Protein backbone atom coordinates (compact mmCIF):
# COMPACT_ATOMS: atom_id res chain seq x y z
CA MET A 1 -1.87 10.73 18.32
CA LYS A 2 -2.89 8.67 21.22
CA ALA A 3 -0.15 6.40 22.49
CA ARG A 4 -0.36 2.83 21.44
CA LEU A 5 1.68 1.40 24.16
CA SER A 6 0.43 1.28 27.80
CA SER A 7 2.28 2.72 30.71
CA GLU A 8 3.43 -0.70 31.97
CA GLU A 9 4.61 -1.58 28.48
CA ARG A 10 6.54 1.68 28.10
CA GLU A 11 8.09 1.22 31.69
CA ALA A 12 9.11 -2.35 30.69
CA LEU A 13 10.91 -1.07 27.54
CA ARG A 14 12.76 1.56 29.65
CA THR A 15 13.84 -1.37 31.71
CA VAL A 16 15.09 -3.14 28.66
CA ALA A 17 17.19 -0.21 27.41
CA ASN A 18 18.66 0.32 30.86
CA LEU A 19 19.58 -3.52 31.12
CA LEU A 20 21.35 -3.39 27.69
CA VAL A 21 23.03 -0.02 27.89
CA GLU A 22 24.37 2.11 30.62
CA PRO A 23 21.53 4.41 31.41
CA ARG A 24 23.54 7.81 31.40
CA LYS A 25 24.53 6.98 27.82
CA VAL A 26 20.95 6.60 26.43
CA GLU A 27 19.97 9.50 24.21
CA ALA A 28 16.68 8.19 23.02
CA VAL A 29 14.43 5.16 22.91
CA CYS A 30 11.57 4.40 20.78
CA ALA A 31 9.20 1.43 19.91
CA TYR A 32 8.25 0.70 16.28
CA GLY A 33 6.94 -2.36 14.33
CA SER A 34 4.05 -4.49 14.87
CA THR A 35 3.18 -3.71 18.49
CA VAL A 36 3.11 0.11 17.60
CA ALA A 37 1.52 -0.36 14.17
CA GLY A 38 -1.37 -2.44 15.53
CA TYR A 39 -0.84 -5.94 13.91
CA ALA A 40 1.14 -7.77 16.70
CA ARG A 41 0.48 -11.38 17.51
CA GLU A 42 0.35 -12.80 20.91
CA ASP A 43 3.95 -14.11 20.58
CA SER A 44 5.32 -10.83 18.80
CA ASP A 45 8.49 -9.37 20.29
CA TYR A 46 8.59 -5.54 20.93
CA ASP A 47 10.84 -3.91 18.55
CA VAL A 48 12.88 -0.94 19.92
CA ILE A 49 15.46 1.34 18.93
CA ILE A 50 18.11 2.58 21.56
CA VAL A 51 20.36 5.39 20.44
CA VAL A 52 23.36 5.72 22.65
CA LYS A 53 26.22 8.24 22.87
CA ASN A 54 29.68 7.00 21.84
CA PHE A 55 28.47 3.62 21.32
CA ARG A 56 31.58 1.53 20.41
CA GLY A 57 29.60 -1.30 18.67
CA GLY A 58 28.39 1.25 16.23
CA VAL A 59 25.09 -0.74 15.53
CA ARG A 60 23.90 -4.05 17.12
CA TYR A 61 20.94 -6.22 17.25
CA ARG A 62 20.09 -7.51 21.03
CA TYR A 63 17.41 -9.89 21.91
CA LEU A 64 16.16 -9.86 25.56
CA GLU A 65 13.55 -11.83 27.37
CA ALA A 66 13.55 -9.79 30.58
CA ALA A 67 10.73 -7.46 31.43
CA VAL A 68 9.17 -8.13 28.02
CA PRO A 69 10.52 -10.07 24.95
CA ALA A 70 12.16 -7.37 22.92
CA SER A 71 14.29 -7.14 19.79
CA ALA A 72 16.57 -4.05 20.41
CA LEU A 73 18.49 -2.30 17.87
CA ILE A 74 21.37 -0.35 19.49
CA VAL A 75 22.80 2.40 17.57
CA ASP A 76 25.51 5.17 17.99
CA GLU A 77 23.89 8.59 18.13
CA GLU A 78 26.54 10.01 15.62
CA LEU A 79 25.97 7.19 13.09
CA LEU A 80 22.23 7.52 13.30
CA MET A 81 22.42 11.19 12.50
CA GLY A 82 24.61 10.31 9.48
CA ASP A 83 21.96 7.77 8.56
CA ALA A 84 19.41 10.49 8.58
CA ARG A 85 21.66 13.12 6.59
CA GLU A 86 23.33 10.87 3.97
CA ALA A 87 22.34 7.18 4.49
CA ALA A 88 25.56 6.41 6.31
CA LEU A 89 24.26 2.96 7.30
CA GLY A 90 22.12 2.41 4.05
CA GLU A 91 19.16 3.70 6.00
CA PHE A 92 19.14 0.54 7.82
CA VAL A 93 18.20 2.38 11.03
CA ILE A 94 16.69 5.82 10.13
CA GLY A 95 14.44 3.97 7.47
CA ARG A 96 12.39 2.68 10.32
CA LEU A 97 11.26 6.18 11.29
CA LEU A 98 9.48 6.35 7.83
CA ASN A 99 6.44 4.65 9.54
CA ILE A 100 4.82 5.01 12.85
CA TYR A 101 6.93 4.87 16.03
CA GLU A 102 6.35 5.74 19.63
CA PRO A 103 8.97 7.75 21.52
CA ILE A 104 9.64 6.42 25.05
CA ALA A 105 12.72 8.62 25.69
CA GLY A 106 14.28 11.57 23.86
CA ALA A 107 11.11 12.41 21.79
CA GLU A 108 12.60 15.75 20.37
CA PHE A 109 15.79 14.18 19.24
CA LEU A 110 13.89 11.46 17.41
CA GLU A 111 11.34 14.02 15.78
CA HIS A 112 14.38 16.11 14.60
CA LEU A 113 15.98 13.09 12.89
CA GLU A 114 12.74 12.14 11.40
CA ILE A 115 12.04 15.31 9.89
CA GLN A 116 15.71 15.78 8.74
CA TYR A 117 15.59 12.19 7.04
CA LYS A 118 12.21 13.05 5.47
CA ARG A 119 13.48 16.25 4.13
CA ARG A 120 16.08 14.35 2.19
CA VAL A 121 13.50 11.74 0.99
CA ILE A 122 11.45 14.54 -0.44
CA SER A 123 14.42 16.07 -2.34
CA GLU A 124 15.46 12.91 -3.76
CA GLU A 125 12.03 11.76 -4.84
CA LEU A 126 11.37 15.16 -6.39
CA TYR A 127 14.72 14.79 -8.41
CA GLU A 128 13.70 11.48 -9.58
CA LEU A 129 10.24 12.82 -10.74
CA ALA A 130 12.04 15.59 -12.56
CA SER A 131 14.37 13.21 -14.23
CA ASP A 132 11.65 10.94 -15.35
CA TYR A 133 9.16 13.52 -16.44
CA GLY A 134 11.30 16.42 -17.40
CA GLU A 135 9.16 19.77 -17.74
CA PHE A 136 5.90 17.80 -17.33
CA SER A 137 7.06 17.21 -13.69
CA GLN A 138 6.08 21.03 -13.20
CA ASP A 139 2.28 20.07 -13.83
CA LEU A 140 2.20 17.47 -11.18
CA ALA A 141 0.81 17.69 -7.75
CA VAL A 142 2.88 15.42 -5.47
CA PRO A 143 0.76 14.46 -2.36
CA TYR A 144 2.87 13.87 0.86
CA ASP A 145 1.93 10.20 1.03
CA TYR A 146 3.52 9.64 -2.35
CA PHE A 147 6.97 10.22 -0.69
CA LEU A 148 6.06 7.73 1.85
CA PHE A 149 4.77 4.77 -0.23
CA ASP A 150 7.26 5.34 -2.97
CA LYS A 151 10.31 5.22 -0.51
CA LEU A 152 8.65 2.06 1.16
CA ARG A 153 8.25 0.47 -2.32
CA LYS A 154 12.13 1.12 -2.93
CA ARG A 155 13.12 -0.27 0.47
CA ALA A 156 11.07 -3.35 -0.05
CA PHE A 157 12.67 -3.94 -3.48
CA VAL A 158 16.10 -4.01 -1.56
CA TYR A 159 14.66 -6.07 1.42
CA PRO A 160 11.61 -7.96 0.21
CA PRO A 161 10.76 -9.58 3.77
CA ALA A 162 9.85 -5.79 4.77
CA LEU A 163 7.00 -5.86 2.55
CA TYR A 164 4.68 -7.92 4.83
CA SER A 165 5.23 -5.15 7.56
CA TYR A 166 4.39 -2.33 5.07
CA ALA A 167 1.37 -4.15 3.92
CA GLN A 168 0.01 -4.86 7.57
CA THR A 169 0.88 -1.35 8.69
CA TYR A 170 -1.09 0.41 6.05
CA SER A 171 -4.18 -2.09 5.41
CA GLY A 172 -4.80 -3.23 8.93
CA LYS A 173 -7.47 -1.65 11.29
CA SER A 174 -4.94 1.22 12.31
CA GLY A 175 -3.94 1.62 8.55
CA GLU A 176 -5.35 5.29 8.37
CA GLU A 177 -3.93 6.38 11.59
CA ASN A 178 -0.59 4.91 10.75
CA ARG A 179 -0.53 6.78 7.30
CA GLU A 180 -1.38 10.01 8.81
CA PHE A 181 1.40 9.83 11.36
CA ALA A 182 3.91 9.04 8.68
CA VAL A 183 2.60 11.74 6.38
CA ARG A 184 2.57 14.21 9.14
CA GLY A 185 6.36 14.07 9.23
CA PHE A 186 6.51 14.65 5.64
CA ARG A 187 4.14 17.55 5.80
CA GLU A 188 6.51 19.30 8.47
CA ALA A 189 9.76 18.26 6.47
CA ALA A 190 8.12 19.98 3.32
CA HIS A 191 8.10 23.48 5.19
CA TRP A 192 11.97 23.20 5.66
CA VAL A 193 12.30 22.62 1.82
CA GLY A 194 9.38 24.92 0.66
CA SER A 195 11.64 27.97 0.94
CA ARG A 196 13.59 26.88 -2.11
CA SER A 197 12.57 28.97 -5.08
CA TYR A 198 11.79 25.98 -7.38
CA LEU A 199 9.18 24.38 -5.23
CA SER A 200 5.79 25.40 -3.81
CA ILE A 201 3.86 23.82 -1.09
CA ASP A 202 0.46 23.56 0.51
CA ASP A 203 -1.22 21.46 3.10
CA SER A 204 -1.82 18.52 0.71
CA SER A 205 1.06 18.50 -1.89
CA ILE A 206 4.28 19.70 -3.23
CA ARG A 207 5.01 21.09 -6.82
CA ILE A 208 8.13 21.71 -8.72
CA SER A 209 7.28 25.25 -9.93
CA SER A 210 10.49 26.06 -11.79
CA GLU A 211 12.92 24.38 -14.26
CA LYS A 212 15.76 25.04 -11.70
CA LEU A 213 15.03 21.58 -10.43
CA LYS A 214 15.94 20.03 -13.80
CA GLY A 215 16.10 16.36 -14.19
CA ASP A 216 18.59 14.74 -16.56
CA ALA A 217 20.14 11.44 -17.33
CA PHE A 218 22.72 12.01 -14.65
CA SER A 219 20.53 12.83 -11.87
CA LYS A 220 18.48 9.60 -12.67
CA ALA A 221 21.51 7.55 -12.79
CA LEU A 222 22.55 9.02 -9.52
CA SER A 223 19.31 8.09 -8.05
CA LEU A 224 19.53 4.59 -9.25
CA PHE A 225 23.14 4.29 -8.14
CA SER A 226 22.12 5.55 -4.68
CA MET A 227 19.44 3.01 -4.21
CA THR A 228 21.81 0.23 -5.30
CA THR A 229 24.62 1.28 -3.04
CA ARG A 230 22.21 1.88 -0.02
CA GLY A 231 20.89 -1.74 -0.64
CA VAL A 232 24.44 -3.13 -0.48
CA THR A 233 25.15 -0.98 2.55
CA GLN A 234 21.86 -2.00 4.38
CA TYR A 235 22.67 -5.60 3.96
CA ALA A 236 26.20 -5.15 5.21
CA VAL A 237 25.00 -3.44 8.14
CA HIS A 238 22.24 -5.92 8.71
CA GLY A 239 24.69 -8.70 8.81
CA TYR A 240 27.15 -6.67 11.01
CA ALA A 241 24.43 -5.68 13.39
CA GLY A 242 22.99 -9.16 13.69
CA ARG A 243 25.76 -11.07 15.13
CA VAL A 244 23.69 -13.10 17.60
CA GLY A 245 23.42 -16.59 18.83
CA LEU A 246 22.18 -19.60 16.56
CA GLY A 247 18.91 -20.05 18.28
CA VAL A 248 18.01 -16.37 17.80
CA PHE A 249 19.20 -16.26 14.20
CA LYS A 250 16.98 -19.46 13.55
CA LYS A 251 13.93 -17.78 15.05
CA GLU A 252 14.57 -14.67 13.06
CA ALA A 253 14.94 -16.62 9.63
CA LEU A 254 11.82 -18.69 10.25
CA SER A 255 9.84 -15.61 11.28
CA LYS A 256 11.03 -13.92 7.88
CA LEU A 257 10.23 -16.90 5.71
CA LYS A 258 6.73 -17.19 7.33
CA ARG A 259 6.00 -13.58 6.38
CA MET A 260 7.10 -13.88 2.63
CA ARG A 261 4.88 -17.11 2.36
CA GLU A 262 1.96 -15.30 3.61
CA ARG A 263 1.87 -12.73 0.67
CA PRO A 264 -0.43 -10.10 2.11
CA GLU A 265 -2.75 -8.07 -0.25
CA LEU A 266 -0.58 -4.89 -0.98
CA PRO A 267 -2.27 -1.50 -0.72
CA ARG A 268 -2.64 0.08 -4.10
CA GLU A 269 -0.36 2.90 -3.07
CA LEU A 270 2.41 0.44 -2.23
CA GLU A 271 2.16 -1.29 -5.48
CA ARG A 272 1.89 1.82 -7.78
CA PRO A 273 2.83 5.01 -5.84
CA ARG A 274 2.65 7.03 -8.77
CA SER A 275 -0.99 6.50 -8.99
CA LEU A 276 -1.03 9.07 -6.10
CA LEU A 277 0.12 11.81 -8.20
CA LYS A 278 -2.42 14.27 -9.40
CA LEU A 279 -3.12 17.00 -12.15
CA ASP A 280 -5.11 20.12 -11.88
CA ASP A 281 -6.85 19.42 -14.97
CA GLY A 282 -7.67 16.06 -16.25
CA ALA A 283 -6.94 12.54 -14.95
CA LEU A 284 -3.59 10.93 -14.66
CA PHE A 285 -3.63 7.63 -16.50
CA GLU A 286 -0.90 5.00 -15.16
CA ASP A 287 -0.05 3.84 -18.75
CA GLY A 288 -1.12 3.90 -22.54
CA SER A 289 -3.21 0.63 -22.09
CA SER A 290 -5.39 2.15 -19.48
CA VAL A 291 -6.23 5.39 -21.47
CA TYR A 292 -9.47 4.12 -23.22
CA ASP A 293 -10.58 2.39 -20.06
CA GLY A 294 -10.11 5.65 -18.14
CA VAL A 295 -11.93 7.72 -20.56
CA ALA A 296 -14.73 5.37 -20.90
CA LYS A 297 -15.12 5.31 -17.12
CA LEU A 298 -15.17 9.03 -16.91
CA SER A 299 -17.94 9.10 -19.66
CA GLY A 300 -20.02 6.78 -17.73
CA MET A 301 -19.35 3.66 -19.94
CA ASN A 302 -18.84 0.08 -18.75
CA ASP A 303 -16.43 -2.58 -20.04
CA GLY A 304 -18.43 -3.26 -23.25
CA PHE A 305 -17.54 -0.06 -25.17
CA LYS A 306 -16.33 0.06 -28.74
CA VAL A 307 -13.41 2.07 -30.29
CA LYS A 308 -12.90 3.52 -33.61
CA GLU A 309 -9.83 5.26 -34.71
CA ARG A 310 -8.69 7.46 -37.49
CA GLN A 311 -5.86 9.58 -38.19
CA ALA A 312 -6.14 13.39 -37.42
CA GLY A 313 -4.70 15.71 -39.94
CA ASP A 314 -2.04 14.97 -42.48
CA LEU A 315 0.46 12.14 -42.26
CA SER A 316 3.02 14.09 -40.20
CA ALA A 317 0.13 14.31 -37.54
CA THR A 318 0.92 12.41 -34.18
CA ALA A 319 -2.77 12.50 -33.09
CA ARG A 320 -5.64 10.15 -33.50
CA ILE A 321 -9.38 10.97 -33.37
CA VAL A 322 -10.90 8.07 -31.25
CA THR A 323 -14.49 7.59 -30.95
CA LEU A 324 -15.67 5.57 -27.81
CA SER A 325 -19.18 4.26 -27.85
CA GLU A 326 -21.62 2.11 -25.82
CA GLY A 327 -25.42 1.93 -26.55
CA SER A 328 -26.65 5.72 -26.93
CA ARG A 329 -23.34 7.12 -25.19
CA GLU A 330 -20.71 8.39 -27.38
CA THR A 331 -17.44 10.41 -26.58
CA LYS A 332 -14.91 11.72 -29.17
CA ILE A 333 -11.39 12.31 -28.05
CA LEU A 334 -8.15 13.59 -29.61
CA VAL A 335 -5.24 11.24 -28.43
CA LYS A 336 -1.83 12.76 -28.98
CA HIS A 337 1.36 10.79 -28.66
CA PHE A 338 4.31 13.03 -28.25
CA SER A 339 6.94 10.31 -28.66
CA ASP A 340 5.62 9.14 -31.89
CA VAL A 341 8.48 9.00 -34.51
CA ARG A 342 6.48 11.35 -36.83
CA SER A 343 7.10 14.21 -34.33
CA LEU A 344 10.49 14.40 -35.71
CA LYS A 345 8.76 17.14 -38.00
CA TRP A 346 9.82 19.53 -35.50
CA ALA A 347 13.56 18.75 -35.96
CA LEU A 348 13.24 19.35 -39.49
CA LEU A 349 11.14 22.68 -39.03
CA GLY A 350 13.86 23.63 -36.63
CA ILE A 351 16.46 23.36 -39.19
CA TRP A 352 14.31 25.34 -41.72
CA ALA A 353 13.40 28.06 -39.30
CA LEU A 354 16.84 28.20 -37.61
CA SER A 355 17.37 31.97 -38.23
CA ALA A 356 14.06 32.86 -36.67
CA ARG A 357 12.68 30.44 -34.13
CA LYS A 358 13.93 27.48 -32.10
CA PHE A 359 11.25 24.73 -31.71
CA SER A 360 11.30 22.21 -28.67
CA LEU A 361 12.05 18.64 -29.84
CA SER A 362 11.54 16.86 -26.42
CA PRO A 363 8.50 14.77 -26.07
CA LEU A 364 7.96 15.58 -22.58
CA SER A 365 8.65 19.26 -23.08
CA ARG A 366 5.95 19.45 -25.73
CA LEU A 367 3.60 17.43 -23.60
CA HIS A 368 4.13 19.99 -20.73
CA ARG A 369 3.69 22.91 -23.01
CA GLU A 370 0.36 21.60 -24.55
CA TYR A 371 -0.96 20.78 -21.13
CA HIS A 372 0.08 23.86 -19.32
CA ALA A 373 -0.79 26.26 -22.26
CA SER A 374 -4.34 24.59 -22.53
CA ARG A 375 -4.91 25.48 -19.01
CA ARG A 376 -3.47 29.00 -18.94
CA LEU A 377 -5.00 30.01 -22.31
CA ARG A 378 -8.43 29.31 -20.89
CA GLU A 379 -7.61 31.28 -17.75
CA LEU A 380 -6.90 34.21 -20.30
CA GLY A 381 -10.42 33.79 -21.89
CA VAL A 382 -9.13 31.88 -25.13
CA LYS A 383 -10.95 28.69 -26.16
CA THR A 384 -8.81 25.52 -26.10
CA PRO A 385 -10.18 21.79 -26.00
CA ARG A 386 -10.56 20.44 -22.39
CA VAL A 387 -7.85 18.21 -21.18
CA ILE A 388 -9.38 14.88 -20.19
CA GLY A 389 -6.18 13.12 -19.00
CA VAL A 390 -2.57 12.43 -19.38
CA ALA A 391 -0.29 9.25 -19.52
CA PRO A 392 3.16 10.62 -18.87
CA ASP A 393 5.03 7.49 -18.98
CA GLU A 394 3.78 6.88 -22.42
CA ARG A 395 3.89 10.53 -23.69
CA ILE A 396 0.30 10.71 -24.25
CA LEU A 397 -2.20 13.52 -23.95
CA VAL A 398 -6.03 13.09 -24.26
CA LYS A 399 -8.13 16.06 -25.24
CA GLU A 400 -11.80 16.68 -26.18
CA TYR A 401 -12.15 16.43 -29.99
CA VAL A 402 -13.44 19.84 -31.16
CA GLU A 403 -15.57 19.29 -34.35
CA GLY A 404 -15.83 22.23 -36.54
CA GLU A 405 -14.16 23.82 -39.73
CA PRO A 406 -10.34 24.79 -39.71
CA LEU A 407 -9.78 28.37 -40.16
CA SER A 408 -7.41 27.64 -42.97
CA ARG A 409 -10.55 26.70 -45.13
CA VAL A 410 -12.04 30.11 -44.34
CA ILE A 411 -8.93 31.83 -45.58
CA HIS A 412 -8.74 29.52 -48.70
CA ARG A 413 -12.19 30.96 -49.66
CA LEU A 414 -11.16 34.46 -48.91
CA LEU A 415 -7.93 34.14 -50.97
CA ARG A 416 -9.82 32.86 -54.10
CA GLY A 417 -12.64 35.33 -53.79
CA TRP A 418 -15.26 32.92 -52.93
CA SER A 419 -15.99 34.73 -49.63
CA ASP A 420 -15.38 38.04 -48.32
CA ASP A 421 -16.33 37.16 -44.53
CA ALA A 422 -13.19 37.91 -42.54
CA THR A 423 -14.85 37.59 -39.10
CA PHE A 424 -12.94 34.62 -37.72
CA ILE A 425 -9.62 36.17 -38.73
CA LYS A 426 -10.44 38.97 -36.61
CA SER A 427 -11.41 36.73 -33.82
CA TYR A 428 -8.14 34.81 -34.16
CA ALA A 429 -5.99 37.97 -34.17
CA GLU A 430 -7.91 39.14 -31.10
CA ALA A 431 -7.17 35.82 -29.24
CA ILE A 432 -3.34 35.89 -30.22
CA ALA A 433 -3.28 39.52 -28.91
CA LYS A 434 -5.06 38.44 -25.75
CA ILE A 435 -2.33 35.50 -25.23
CA HIS A 436 0.51 37.99 -25.92
CA ARG A 437 -0.90 40.38 -23.45
CA GLY A 438 -0.96 37.47 -20.87
CA GLY A 439 2.56 36.73 -21.28
CA PHE A 440 2.27 33.79 -23.50
CA THR A 441 3.30 32.97 -27.14
CA LEU A 442 2.03 30.18 -29.37
CA GLY A 443 5.04 29.31 -31.44
CA ASP A 444 2.84 27.67 -34.17
CA THR A 445 0.18 30.02 -35.42
CA LYS A 446 -0.78 28.33 -38.60
CA ALA A 447 -4.56 28.73 -39.42
CA SER A 448 -4.95 25.00 -39.63
CA ASN A 449 -4.45 24.80 -35.98
CA VAL A 450 -7.65 26.74 -35.42
CA ILE A 451 -10.99 25.18 -35.41
CA ILE A 452 -14.21 27.25 -35.61
CA ARG A 453 -17.24 25.76 -33.81
CA GLY A 454 -20.45 27.61 -32.83
CA GLY A 455 -19.29 30.94 -34.06
CA GLU A 456 -15.94 30.62 -31.68
CA VAL A 457 -12.43 30.02 -32.55
CA PHE A 458 -10.54 27.07 -30.63
CA LEU A 459 -6.70 26.77 -30.57
CA THR A 460 -5.87 23.25 -30.79
CA ASP A 461 -2.20 22.69 -31.23
CA LEU A 462 -0.04 24.16 -28.33
CA GLU A 463 2.87 22.01 -27.99
CA GLN A 464 5.33 24.95 -29.01
CA ALA A 465 3.49 27.50 -26.70
CA VAL A 466 5.54 29.01 -24.05
CA GLU A 467 5.38 31.72 -21.43
CA SER A 468 7.24 34.86 -22.81
CA GLY A 469 8.65 33.75 -26.17
CA GLU A 470 8.72 35.71 -29.48
CA ALA A 471 5.23 37.47 -30.13
CA ALA A 472 6.84 38.65 -33.49
CA TRP A 473 7.27 35.23 -34.70
CA ASP A 474 3.46 34.47 -34.09
CA ILE A 475 2.46 37.40 -36.21
CA ALA A 476 5.14 36.65 -39.04
CA GLU A 477 4.42 33.06 -39.22
CA PHE A 478 0.67 33.48 -39.67
CA LEU A 479 0.98 36.01 -42.40
CA TYR A 480 3.78 34.49 -44.29
CA TYR A 481 2.52 30.95 -43.93
CA THR A 482 -0.78 32.05 -45.09
CA ALA A 483 0.81 33.72 -48.33
CA LYS A 484 3.08 30.70 -49.19
CA LEU A 485 2.68 29.74 -52.91
CA SER A 486 -0.14 32.21 -53.55
CA LEU A 487 -0.20 35.04 -55.97
CA ARG A 488 -3.73 36.30 -54.81
CA ALA A 489 -2.60 39.73 -53.67
CA GLU A 490 -6.06 41.25 -53.18
CA GLY A 491 -7.21 38.28 -50.93
CA MET A 492 -4.10 38.30 -49.01
CA GLU A 493 -4.20 41.98 -48.41
CA ARG A 494 -7.84 41.64 -46.94
CA VAL A 495 -6.58 38.79 -44.72
CA ALA A 496 -3.47 40.55 -43.42
CA ARG A 497 -5.26 43.82 -42.82
CA THR A 498 -7.96 42.38 -41.04
CA PHE A 499 -5.54 40.33 -38.80
CA LEU A 500 -2.99 43.20 -38.12
CA GLU A 501 -5.85 45.86 -37.48
CA ALA A 502 -7.60 43.65 -34.86
CA TYR A 503 -4.26 42.74 -33.25
CA ARG A 504 -3.06 46.21 -32.95
CA ASN A 505 -6.51 47.18 -31.25
CA GLU A 506 -6.00 44.65 -28.73
CA ASN A 507 -2.16 44.72 -27.97
CA GLY A 508 -0.51 47.65 -29.83
CA SER A 509 2.01 47.75 -32.43
CA LYS A 510 5.50 46.76 -30.77
CA ALA A 511 5.21 43.15 -31.82
CA ILE A 512 4.10 44.04 -35.35
CA ALA A 513 6.99 46.36 -35.73
CA THR A 514 9.41 43.58 -34.73
CA ALA A 515 7.69 41.09 -37.08
CA ARG A 516 9.10 43.30 -40.03
CA LYS A 517 12.72 42.13 -39.31
CA LEU A 518 14.28 40.25 -42.16
CA ARG A 519 15.19 37.10 -39.89
CA TYR A 520 11.32 36.54 -39.70
CA VAL A 521 10.78 36.43 -43.38
CA ALA A 522 13.88 34.27 -44.18
CA PRO A 523 12.39 30.83 -43.36
CA PHE A 524 9.52 31.52 -45.70
CA GLN A 525 11.29 33.33 -48.58
CA PRO A 526 11.61 30.13 -50.79
CA PHE A 527 7.93 29.75 -50.69
CA LEU A 528 6.97 33.19 -51.34
CA ALA A 529 6.49 35.34 -54.48
CA PRO A 530 8.55 38.53 -54.24
CA SER A 531 5.35 40.48 -54.61
CA MET A 532 3.69 38.82 -51.64
CA THR A 533 6.86 39.51 -49.49
CA LEU A 534 6.77 43.04 -50.37
CA LEU A 535 2.95 43.28 -49.60
CA ILE A 536 3.24 41.77 -46.25
CA ARG A 537 6.20 43.73 -45.09
CA ASN A 538 4.54 47.00 -46.43
CA LEU A 539 1.52 46.19 -44.22
CA LEU A 540 3.61 45.34 -41.21
CA ARG A 541 5.26 48.88 -41.63
CA GLU A 542 1.92 50.41 -41.91
CA TYR A 543 0.29 48.90 -38.73
CA SER A 544 3.63 49.51 -36.84
């Protein structure tokens, strides 16, 4: 980037450094703040950091009027390196390298420290996201400017006067250039952390690609603890470094008071850094209250839209069917709330099916599974409702509402002899076989989760779907659940034969053979007539 300071200004700041510190001990000098970021006033001082070898004072502020009016922050080289590595000074000094700065001496040393510091910031921010969003954090693309603005927001929380500087740096005439300078450092730092197996990087963002970076209550508490202790350290260092005369103290205090009174308009990214996070499929809604507005906007509606809601499915369902309308426009969506108390059904089902299958109970885990599976299954050629958006803080997923007939009704007619059309059972079996062949399992294959629309089957409930998993459970659950509380052997045999033959043609018989194990029938045994159990087990053996 083009230098912001003239050659005369740079020479004057070198003179300042040489007046304050013995020249042979100076390791690096850089300018930062308003004069470099492009929002300086006529009476603004030049802000400068002077890095010194074996500086006995540790860290000191010095004000000098010679050459140019300069506010110099003098810091020991080893202390600054510790501040970059582990916040030894509460990031009091190194934090200034988050934003644009201009090296005057020791450019390579300063860039090395900047990258080292930003590597740590990236790691800490990713741990926090993993802690807050659990498995769903794997679905987020985290752009490099997120690391910048979230860190600045945290620093402003600890030291509010800094908010004025941040707002001016990123909303003024040089805002975009300043942003690109800061982000460049994060982009370079990302290449140093990208070798870790649980991360993947590209030119625009970083992703958590594995559960190896697991967030938990401890890491979240550690993050909050770190922010608090750094804030205390930063204030302590500020007090220690700022031991200056009364006149200088008064000038500094009045300047900070004036900044806080001005209340500049903050860039949205600084107010809500998480608005920068992205999804590959669908929009990222900031909170539950913005979901309907967001969907309406995506559908081309204005603020005057109307909302109608109704429950989807039985009383245990955690989803609502919502219709948004404005004039001739109408959009139907399915809004699924994963932290709804009714999702306790999975805990009860987990106890019921303990011998055969473990169900995920975590709202964020189920949200991740539904979102991830919706995308992956479509890539495998299986129909699923399109994801419209997610509000992860509220554990809400919004999908298109697929209107049609549940496969369970088709099966009901077959079992009662009212129909002999098994076309869609065959289609469903082929879809499951395709899913298994692609390395996925559904975990919940009840026919009520399948909707038939326009001659195609859509899989609508995927919150227990995982990569790998037990293919045999998918087969067993569909057959045994379909046969529960039924004595209609002829209809059930037709359903089972159609399903097993279509599945075997697509994916072989290995999973069918495994599905015959007793542990898969055990959870359903109380609801099955002995004759039905025998029928299904014999058919599983026949198609094995």
